[in-house]
Amino acid sequence: MISIESVLEKVGAGGVVIATLGCTACFPALGALAAALGLGFLSPFEGALINALLPLFALCVLVVNGYGWYKNRVHWRGLLSVIGPLVILATLYPLWQYGWSVYVFYGALMLVLTVSIADLFWAVPSHANKDLR
């Protein structure tokens, strides 16, 4: 059975991807992908997607994954799941002025997407939360 944490994490990761697909000027590679997927209608909402929704969804993913890390106590998995949203938030605010921050943002976005997809296939081991019961 799929847990509420898993569903919220997928919603957050999907929201991060959709928000970045709407910013064709900021992320040209993702803008081309968005146009190929028929999501070009999102470009008028670029400001709202990047400045409001992207940090909101990244924060949602961070909180849900942090809770999952606390609950399951699988440290390598928890660390991988919180690094992506933390780096996204860091590159959106204090690091955006640097030229290399776009590449770091792309890497963090791919990490969030990869961890989210991997979570569908590799469930948390049952012994991970045995001591919490």
Protein backbone atom coordinates (compact mmCIF):
# COMPACT_ATOMS: atom_id res chain seq x y z
CA MET A 1 0.00 0.00 0.00
CA ILE A 2 1.26 3.46 -0.87
CA SER A 3 1.78 5.77 2.10
CA ILE A 4 0.67 9.40 2.29
CA GLU A 5 4.34 10.45 2.50
CA SER A 6 5.06 8.75 -0.81
CA VAL A 7 2.10 10.42 -2.48
CA LEU A 8 3.02 13.87 -1.14
CA GLU A 9 6.62 13.39 -2.23
CA LYS A 10 5.49 12.51 -5.77
CA VAL A 11 3.18 15.55 -5.87
CA GLY A 12 6.00 17.79 -4.71
CA ALA A 13 8.50 16.35 -7.18
CA GLY A 14 5.98 16.62 -10.01
CA GLY A 15 5.25 20.20 -9.03
CA VAL A 16 8.94 21.07 -9.09
CA VAL A 17 9.26 19.63 -12.59
CA ILE A 18 6.11 21.37 -13.88
CA ALA A 19 7.20 24.69 -12.38
CA THR A 20 10.58 24.48 -14.08
CA LEU A 21 9.05 23.45 -17.40
CA GLY A 22 7.13 26.73 -17.37
CA CYS A 23 10.26 28.88 -17.35
CA THR A 24 11.60 28.74 -20.89
CA ALA A 25 13.82 31.80 -20.43
CA CYS A 26 15.46 30.49 -17.24
CA PHE A 27 15.94 26.90 -18.34
CA PRO A 28 16.20 26.65 -22.15
CA ALA A 29 16.71 22.88 -22.20
CA LEU A 30 13.59 22.34 -20.12
CA GLY A 31 11.75 24.93 -22.21
CA ALA A 32 12.41 22.86 -25.34
CA LEU A 33 11.18 19.76 -23.52
CA ALA A 34 8.06 21.63 -22.36
CA ALA A 35 7.31 22.74 -25.91
CA ALA A 36 7.74 19.17 -27.16
CA LEU A 37 5.34 17.94 -24.47
CA GLY A 38 2.77 20.60 -25.37
CA LEU A 39 3.29 22.63 -22.20
CA GLY A 40 4.11 25.89 -23.98
CA PHE A 41 0.96 27.44 -22.52
CA LEU A 42 2.77 27.66 -19.16
CA SER A 43 5.22 30.33 -20.36
CA PRO A 44 2.93 33.33 -19.53
CA PHE A 45 2.91 32.12 -15.92
CA GLU A 46 6.70 32.00 -15.70
CA GLY A 47 7.04 34.48 -12.84
CA ALA A 48 4.47 32.79 -10.63
CA LEU A 49 5.82 29.32 -11.38
CA ILE A 50 9.44 30.13 -10.57
CA ASN A 51 9.00 32.63 -7.74
CA ALA A 52 6.06 31.07 -5.90
CA LEU A 53 5.27 27.49 -6.90
CA LEU A 54 8.78 26.11 -7.37
CA PRO A 55 9.98 27.05 -3.85
CA LEU A 56 6.66 25.89 -2.40
CA PHE A 57 6.89 22.46 -4.05
CA ALA A 58 10.59 22.15 -3.19
CA LEU A 59 9.80 22.95 0.43
CA CYS A 60 6.98 20.37 0.37
CA VAL A 61 9.38 17.71 -0.95
CA LEU A 62 11.97 18.70 1.66
CA VAL A 63 9.52 18.45 4.57
CA VAL A 64 8.00 15.16 3.45
CA ASN A 65 11.38 13.57 2.74
CA GLY A 66 12.77 14.86 6.03
CA TYR A 67 9.85 13.28 7.86
CA GLY A 68 10.37 10.04 5.93
CA TRP A 69 14.04 10.06 6.88
CA TYR A 70 13.16 10.57 10.55
CA LYS A 71 10.48 7.89 10.44
CA ASN A 72 12.42 5.20 8.56
CA ARG A 73 15.98 5.88 9.78
CA VAL A 74 17.58 4.83 6.49
CA HIS A 75 20.34 7.42 6.43
CA TRP A 76 21.72 7.07 2.89
CA ARG A 77 18.22 7.19 1.46
CA GLY A 78 17.18 10.11 3.63
CA LEU A 79 20.28 12.08 2.74
CA LEU A 80 19.73 11.55 -0.99
CA SER A 81 16.10 12.60 -0.67
CA VAL A 82 16.77 15.91 1.10
CA ILE A 83 19.86 17.04 -0.82
CA GLY A 84 17.91 17.76 -4.02
CA PRO A 85 15.28 20.10 -2.53
CA LEU A 86 17.89 21.83 -0.37
CA VAL A 87 20.08 22.53 -3.40
CA ILE A 88 17.06 23.74 -5.41
CA LEU A 89 16.17 26.22 -2.69
CA ALA A 90 19.80 27.29 -2.33
CA THR A 91 20.22 27.90 -6.05
CA LEU A 92 16.95 29.80 -6.30
CA TYR A 93 17.86 32.31 -3.64
CA PRO A 94 21.45 32.90 -2.47
CA LEU A 95 23.31 31.24 -5.37
CA TRP A 96 21.28 32.36 -8.40
CA GLN A 97 23.64 35.24 -9.19
CA TYR A 98 26.43 32.86 -10.22
CA GLY A 99 26.64 31.42 -13.72
CA TRP A 100 27.22 27.87 -12.55
CA SER A 101 24.06 27.82 -10.43
CA VAL A 102 21.90 26.84 -13.41
CA TYR A 103 23.90 23.63 -13.85
CA VAL A 104 23.70 22.88 -10.14
CA PHE A 105 19.94 23.50 -10.31
CA TYR A 106 19.60 21.04 -13.21
CA GLY A 107 21.56 18.43 -11.25
CA ALA A 108 19.38 18.93 -8.17
CA LEU A 109 16.23 18.70 -10.29
CA MET A 110 17.43 15.43 -11.79
CA LEU A 111 18.26 14.14 -8.30
CA VAL A 112 14.74 14.95 -7.03
CA LEU A 113 13.21 13.23 -10.05
CA THR A 114 15.51 10.19 -9.78
CA VAL A 115 14.88 9.71 -6.05
CA SER A 116 11.15 10.04 -6.62
CA ILE A 117 11.15 7.42 -9.37
CA ALA A 118 13.48 5.11 -7.43
CA ASP A 119 11.12 5.31 -4.45
CA LEU A 120 8.43 3.71 -6.59
CA PHE A 121 10.59 0.66 -7.28
CA TRP A 122 12.64 0.24 -4.09
CA ALA A 123 10.52 0.39 -0.98
CA VAL A 124 11.96 1.14 2.44
CA PRO A 125 13.11 -2.11 4.06
CA SER A 126 10.68 -3.46 6.66
CA HIS A 127 13.40 -3.58 9.32
CA ALA A 128 13.97 0.18 8.97
CA ASN A 129 11.00 1.19 11.10
CA LYS A 130 10.73 -1.94 13.28
CA ASP A 131 12.29 -0.20 16.29
CA LEU A 132 9.75 2.63 16.18
CA ARG A 133 6.74 0.41 16.87
